[in-house]
Protein backbone atom coordinates (compact mmCIF):
# COMPACT_ATOMS: atom_id res chain seq x y z
CA MET A 1 -6.33 -8.64 16.98
CA THR A 2 -5.77 -12.06 15.41
CA ASP A 3 -8.15 -14.95 14.58
CA ARG A 4 -5.83 -18.19 14.48
CA GLY A 5 -8.55 -19.87 11.72
CA GLN A 6 -6.78 -22.97 10.34
CA LYS A 7 -7.46 -23.33 6.49
CA GLY A 8 -7.16 -26.61 4.15
CA ARG A 9 -4.77 -29.37 5.14
CA ALA A 10 -1.08 -30.35 4.76
CA PRO A 11 0.64 -33.62 4.73
CA ALA A 12 0.40 -34.99 8.38
CA ALA A 13 4.14 -34.53 8.45
CA MET A 14 3.56 -31.18 8.09
CA GLN A 15 1.14 -29.96 10.46
CA CYS A 16 0.85 -26.73 8.15
CA GLY A 17 -2.12 -24.29 7.69
CA TRP A 18 -3.29 -20.60 7.50
CA TRP A 19 -3.80 -18.20 10.19
CA THR A 20 -6.25 -15.46 9.34
CA VAL A 21 -4.96 -11.97 10.35
CA THR A 22 -7.41 -8.67 11.14
CA GLY A 23 -5.52 -5.21 11.52
CA ALA A 24 -6.56 -1.94 10.65
CA ILE A 25 -5.02 0.33 7.88
CA LEU A 26 -3.27 3.45 9.66
CA GLY A 27 -4.81 6.48 9.45
CA SER A 28 -8.48 5.24 8.21
CA GLY A 29 -9.66 3.47 11.00
CA GLY A 30 -10.95 0.22 8.75
CA GLU A 31 -10.20 -3.26 8.86
CA GLU A 32 -9.45 -5.71 6.54
CA SER A 33 -8.26 -9.44 6.84
CA ILE A 34 -5.68 -11.97 5.26
CA SER A 35 -4.23 -15.01 5.43
CA VAL A 36 -0.57 -16.29 6.43
CA PRO A 37 0.75 -19.61 6.27
CA ALA A 38 1.75 -21.23 9.91
CA TYR A 39 3.68 -24.02 10.76
CA MET A 40 1.03 -24.91 13.90
CA GLU A 41 4.43 -26.70 16.09
CA SER A 42 6.16 -23.02 16.18
CA TRP A 43 5.23 -19.58 15.72
CA TRP A 44 6.80 -15.56 16.61
CA ALA A 45 4.63 -12.92 17.29
CA ALA A 46 5.77 -9.91 14.42
CA GLN A 47 4.56 -7.14 12.99
CA VAL A 48 3.93 -7.18 8.80
CA PHE A 49 4.13 -4.10 6.69
CA LEU A 50 1.70 -4.08 3.71
CA ALA A 51 0.37 -1.85 0.82
CA MET A 52 -1.16 1.62 2.20
CA HIS A 53 0.78 1.56 5.19
CA TRP A 54 -1.29 -1.30 6.65
CA THR A 55 0.22 -2.81 9.84
CA VAL A 56 -1.17 -5.99 11.42
CA PRO A 57 -0.04 -7.97 14.42
CA ILE A 58 0.50 -11.89 13.23
CA TYR A 59 1.76 -15.05 14.42
CA TRP A 60 4.13 -15.98 11.03
CA SER A 61 6.07 -18.68 10.49
CA ILE A 62 7.08 -21.48 7.52
CA CYS A 63 5.99 -24.96 6.58
CA ALA A 64 9.02 -27.24 6.65
CA PRO A 65 9.23 -30.93 6.61
CA LYS A 66 10.14 -32.96 9.70
CA ASP A 67 12.43 -34.97 7.99
CA GLY A 68 15.85 -34.31 6.41
CA PRO A 69 16.64 -34.35 2.76
CA THR A 70 16.61 -38.14 1.20
CA ILE A 71 19.71 -39.56 -1.05
CA SER A 72 18.29 -42.18 -3.85
CA GLY A 73 20.34 -44.00 -6.48
CA VAL A 74 23.43 -44.78 -4.25
CA LYS A 75 25.61 -48.10 -4.83
CA PRO A 76 26.97 -50.37 -2.12
CA GLN A 77 30.30 -50.22 -3.72
CA TYR A 78 32.05 -47.18 -6.06
CA GLN A 79 35.21 -48.18 -8.43
CA VAL A 80 37.23 -45.39 -9.92
CA GLY A 81 35.90 -44.94 -13.34
CA ASP A 82 32.24 -45.69 -11.91
CA ASP A 83 29.45 -43.50 -12.64
CA VAL A 84 28.33 -41.83 -9.67
CA ASN A 85 24.08 -40.65 -10.64
CA VAL A 86 22.15 -39.94 -7.16
CA THR A 87 19.55 -37.84 -6.24
CA CYS A 88 18.75 -35.62 -3.16
CA SER A 89 14.81 -35.06 -2.07
CA ALA A 90 13.55 -32.56 0.51
CA GLY A 91 10.08 -31.53 1.08
CA PRO A 92 7.40 -30.93 0.67
CA SER A 93 8.30 -27.30 2.00
CA LYS A 94 6.64 -23.28 1.75
CA PRO A 95 8.89 -22.11 0.33
CA ALA A 96 11.23 -24.74 -1.44
CA ALA A 97 14.14 -25.82 -0.03
CA GLN A 98 17.69 -24.94 -1.39
CA LEU A 99 19.76 -28.02 -1.54
CA ARG A 100 23.36 -28.57 -1.99
CA TRP A 101 25.50 -31.28 -2.47
CA TYR A 102 28.74 -32.31 -0.33
CA ILE A 103 31.37 -35.15 -1.44
CA ASN A 104 33.78 -35.86 1.46
CA GLY A 105 32.73 -32.64 3.28
CA HIS A 106 33.26 -30.28 0.29
CA GLU A 107 30.77 -28.61 -1.68
CA ALA A 108 30.22 -30.21 -5.15
CA PRO A 109 31.39 -28.49 -8.19
CA SER A 110 28.20 -27.00 -9.94
CA GLU A 111 28.72 -28.53 -13.08
CA PHE A 112 28.18 -32.02 -11.05
CA GLU A 113 24.94 -30.91 -9.93
CA ILE A 114 21.73 -31.66 -12.09
CA ARG A 115 18.97 -29.34 -11.32
CA TYR A 116 15.29 -30.22 -11.92
CA SER A 117 12.34 -28.14 -11.99
CA PRO A 118 10.62 -28.34 -8.47
CA ILE A 119 7.01 -30.15 -7.76
CA ARG A 120 4.10 -27.82 -6.91
CA HIS A 121 1.57 -29.07 -4.99
CA GLN A 122 -1.82 -27.82 -4.67
CA ASP A 123 -1.55 -26.66 -1.20
CA ARG A 124 1.55 -24.40 -2.44
CA LEU A 125 3.83 -26.69 -1.02
CA VAL A 126 7.25 -27.66 -3.01
CA VAL A 127 9.24 -30.75 -3.16
CA SER A 128 12.75 -30.03 -4.25
CA THR A 129 15.09 -31.97 -6.17
CA LEU A 130 19.34 -31.57 -7.03
CA GLY A 131 20.52 -34.98 -8.67
CA LEU A 132 24.57 -35.14 -8.36
CA ARG A 133 26.29 -37.01 -11.44
CA PHE A 134 30.13 -37.86 -11.61
CA THR A 135 32.76 -40.08 -12.60
CA ALA A 136 34.69 -41.16 -9.39
CA GLU A 137 38.08 -40.30 -9.61
CA PRO A 138 40.84 -41.07 -7.20
CA ARG A 139 40.69 -38.36 -5.42
CA HIS A 140 36.91 -38.80 -4.55
CA PHE A 141 37.73 -41.40 -2.24
CA TRP A 142 39.56 -40.89 1.44
CA HIS A 143 40.65 -44.19 2.82
CA GLY A 144 39.04 -46.32 0.40
CA ALA A 145 35.65 -44.29 0.88
CA MET A 146 33.47 -41.97 -0.48
CA LYS A 147 31.39 -39.81 1.67
CA LEU A 148 28.22 -38.20 0.02
CA ARG A 149 25.37 -35.48 1.96
CA CYS A 150 23.19 -33.39 0.83
CA SER A 151 21.80 -30.41 3.06
CA ALA A 152 18.59 -28.02 2.63
CA VAL A 153 18.33 -24.78 3.82
CA ILE A 154 14.39 -23.30 3.70
CA SER A 155 13.85 -19.31 4.14
CA GLN A 156 11.03 -17.33 4.97
CA ALA A 157 10.72 -13.49 5.91
CA TYR A 158 8.51 -11.20 7.80
CA SER A 159 8.23 -7.95 8.10
CA MET A 160 7.97 -5.11 10.79
CA SER A 161 7.16 -1.34 10.47
CA SER A 162 9.82 0.28 12.63
CA GLU A 163 9.04 4.10 12.21
CA GLU A 164 7.58 7.01 10.01
CA ILE A 165 8.34 10.12 9.87
CA ILE A 166 6.51 13.29 8.25
CA VAL A 167 8.17 16.57 7.81
CA GLY A 168 6.40 19.48 6.92
CA ASP A 169 3.85 21.85 8.19
CA ASN A 170 2.33 19.15 10.35
CA ALA A 171 5.42 17.07 10.76
CA LYS A 172 5.22 14.00 12.91
CA ALA A 173 6.68 10.60 14.05
CA SER A 174 5.25 7.59 14.73
CA ALA A 175 6.39 5.04 17.79
CA VAL A 176 8.99 3.14 16.86
CA VAL A 177 7.56 -0.65 16.77
CA GLY A 178 10.66 -3.38 17.63
CA ASP A 179 14.33 -3.30 17.41
CA GLY A 180 13.99 -1.71 13.34
CA PRO A 181 16.52 0.52 11.77
CA VAL A 182 16.20 4.65 12.55
CA ILE A 183 16.64 7.07 9.83
CA SER A 184 18.97 10.43 10.83
CA GLY A 185 20.35 13.47 9.18
CA GLY A 186 16.74 14.42 7.66
CA LYS A 187 15.77 18.17 7.64
CA PRO A 188 12.04 19.60 7.79
CA LYS A 189 11.89 20.37 4.10
CA TYR A 190 13.37 19.67 0.92
CA GLN A 191 12.79 21.28 -2.66
CA LYS A 192 14.48 20.90 -5.82
CA GLY A 193 17.89 21.13 -6.17
CA ASP A 194 18.16 20.42 -2.25
CA THR A 195 20.81 17.30 -1.19
CA VAL A 196 19.28 15.04 0.77
CA ASP A 197 22.08 13.49 3.00
CA VAL A 198 20.45 10.80 5.38
CA ASN A 199 21.63 7.53 7.58
CA CYS A 200 20.27 4.34 7.98
CA THR A 201 21.33 2.64 11.16
CA SER A 202 20.37 -0.72 12.11
CA ALA A 203 20.14 -2.24 15.90
CA LYS A 204 22.37 -4.24 16.96
CA SER A 205 22.63 -7.90 16.00
CA ASN A 206 24.10 -11.19 15.09
CA PRO A 207 24.75 -12.24 12.07
CA PRO A 208 24.91 -8.42 10.82
CA ALA A 209 21.54 -7.11 9.36
CA GLU A 210 21.77 -5.96 5.40
CA LEU A 211 20.26 -2.38 4.79
CA LYS A 212 18.53 -1.15 1.62
CA TRP A 213 17.20 2.42 0.76
CA TYR A 214 14.04 3.12 -1.36
CA ILE A 215 12.62 6.13 -2.92
CA ASN A 216 9.19 6.26 -3.19
CA ASP A 217 9.18 2.31 -2.67
CA LYS A 218 11.91 2.12 -5.65
CA PRO A 219 15.45 0.92 -5.07
CA VAL A 220 18.21 3.52 -4.74
CA ARG A 221 20.69 3.00 -7.27
CA ALA A 222 24.50 2.39 -6.00
CA GLU A 223 26.11 5.56 -6.96
CA PHE A 224 23.80 7.04 -4.22
CA LEU A 225 24.47 4.78 -1.36
CA VAL A 226 27.34 6.01 1.00
CA ARG A 227 28.73 2.70 2.60
CA TYR A 228 30.18 3.04 6.16
CA LYS A 229 32.09 0.39 8.06
CA PRO A 230 29.84 -1.50 10.87
CA VAL A 231 30.21 -0.98 14.31
CA ARG A 232 31.27 -4.31 15.90
CA TYR A 233 30.94 -4.53 19.67
CA PRO A 234 32.74 -6.73 22.10
CA ASP A 235 29.64 -9.48 22.48
CA GLY A 236 30.03 -10.12 19.05
CA GLN A 237 27.37 -8.08 17.69
CA THR A 238 27.16 -5.46 14.81
CA THR A 239 25.44 -2.59 14.01
CA SER A 240 25.17 -1.71 10.63
CA ILE A 241 24.96 1.82 8.64
CA LEU A 242 24.13 2.85 5.23
CA GLY A 243 23.92 6.66 4.07
CA LEU A 244 21.81 8.01 1.33
CA ARG A 245 22.88 10.84 -0.91
CA PHE A 246 21.38 12.68 -3.94
CA ALA A 247 19.73 16.11 -5.27
CA VAL A 248 16.36 16.29 -5.12
CA ARG A 249 14.43 16.29 -8.45
CA THR A 250 10.65 17.21 -9.32
CA ASP A 251 9.82 13.66 -9.70
CA HIS A 252 10.79 12.76 -6.65
CA PHE A 253 7.90 14.27 -5.50
CA LEU A 254 4.44 12.28 -5.65
CA ARG A 255 1.39 14.46 -4.78
CA ASP A 256 3.61 17.02 -2.72
CA GLU A 257 5.51 13.99 -0.63
CA MET A 258 8.56 12.30 -0.88
CA ARG A 259 8.72 8.71 0.99
CA LEU A 260 12.56 7.71 1.79
CA LYS A 261 12.46 4.30 3.29
CA CYS A 262 15.11 2.10 4.96
CA THR A 263 14.98 -1.75 5.09
CA ALA A 264 17.24 -4.04 7.33
CA THR A 265 16.85 -8.15 6.85
CA LEU A 266 17.82 -10.05 9.76
CA SER A 267 18.35 -13.82 8.94
CA LYS A 268 19.16 -16.63 11.43
CA VAL A 269 19.63 -19.70 9.74
CA ILE A 270 19.02 -23.55 10.24
CA ASN A 271 20.45 -26.08 7.87
CA MET A 272 18.80 -29.50 7.85
CA SER A 273 21.23 -32.14 6.55
CA SER A 274 20.61 -35.68 5.20
CA GLU A 275 22.21 -38.76 6.58
CA GLU A 276 25.78 -38.89 5.73
CA THR A 277 26.00 -42.24 3.48
CA LEU A 278 29.39 -43.55 3.19
CA VAL A 279 30.57 -45.82 0.08
CA GLY A 280 33.37 -47.72 -1.15
CA SER A 281 34.60 -50.01 1.52
CA SER A 282 30.91 -50.16 3.43
CA GLN A 283 27.96 -47.84 3.47
CA GLN A 284 26.88 -46.59 7.04
CA SER A 285 24.94 -43.64 8.16
CA SER A 286 25.68 -40.66 10.84
CA GLY A 287 22.08 -39.68 11.56
CA LEU A 288 19.77 -36.63 10.86
CA HIS A 289 21.59 -33.19 11.63
CA ILE A 290 20.01 -29.91 12.01
CA SER A 291 22.58 -27.10 13.06
CA GLU A 292 21.86 -22.93 13.44
CA ASN A 293 24.02 -20.41 12.06
CA THR A 294 25.87 -19.93 15.28
CA GLY A 295 26.79 -23.57 15.17
CA ALA A 296 24.25 -24.87 17.92
CA VAL A 297 23.02 -28.22 17.45
CA ILE A 298 19.32 -28.27 17.64
CA ASN A 299 19.12 -32.59 17.52
CA ARG A 300 20.73 -35.55 16.15
CA GLY A 301 19.27 -38.61 14.67
CA SER A 302 15.50 -37.71 15.99
CA THR A 303 12.57 -35.99 13.57
CA VAL A 304 12.55 -32.26 14.12
CA GLY A 305 11.44 -29.59 11.86
CA CYS A 306 13.79 -26.78 10.09
CA LEU A 307 13.02 -23.36 10.13
CA LEU A 308 14.89 -20.59 8.68
CA GLN A 309 13.70 -17.02 9.52
CA THR A 310 14.65 -13.82 8.17
CA LEU A 311 13.45 -10.99 10.05
CA PHE A 312 12.72 -7.72 7.84
CA VAL A 313 12.21 -4.64 9.38
CA SER A 314 11.18 -1.36 7.42
CA THR A 315 11.43 2.29 8.40
CA PHE A 316 10.31 4.99 6.64
CA LEU A 317 10.91 8.76 6.24
CA ALA A 318 8.03 11.09 4.16
CA ALA A 319 9.04 14.54 3.39
CA LEU A 320 6.38 17.00 2.71
CA LEU A 321 6.94 20.45 0.65
């Protein structure tokens, strides 16, 4: 059950607040509440996995500015040898925007960029700024003009518990929620010296999911991972597979229990770009561009919100002596 209670006020351009969410801790029957950020114009149903096996349904999104990043400090004309010193600003947003500079459509060298500390507001929103400074050379002009552009990417993750298996005398499996990853190959019992050899398989997706293994919530070292070739399908989607193989030690058991967790991270990227500034012979703008990683253009020349979502799904396998 969710209680859509907005707390606090964000800038008018943001229309961003907080949802209050109530859910039960699995196995306890009790209920707790948390607050999560909400972008009021869009929200997606999800499941969040929290400490102590707490799974609650929520509506989750990010706080993003409706306008693209802005460029300041641009002169009407530049000549070879001139000092180009411009600034790109984006925000406020939560989380902070990742900014990139482009010169004539190519990403600017890192040595040209000036990184400024983000400005954090009391409402937890962040203003991001990235400078660009270089000496104009003939290669920076194309037909007497130089194009400068800044892009901003904002990302956020939400979590979903997908599977939990407890093996032992009272073996049981929880219901799978959504299209989370699946663990296969586990045995009913493990003891010291046994070899754990399991695989984690993601659901079909595009782009492919990134898989990670954890033992008792600690990231697994690379030497214990078995990397398989992804399975690609005619429709362009991909299934990712990551194996885990290691010899069981005594310290792998906490209170006679060993937990193996596989997480799959699925990203959907939407980029927000500044107006493209043409300097040299004349100056003009092409309008705000927002596009997804699939190449589809969401909007051109209008005021819209920017959103990047990362679907983070997790699955658990618990082994009990």
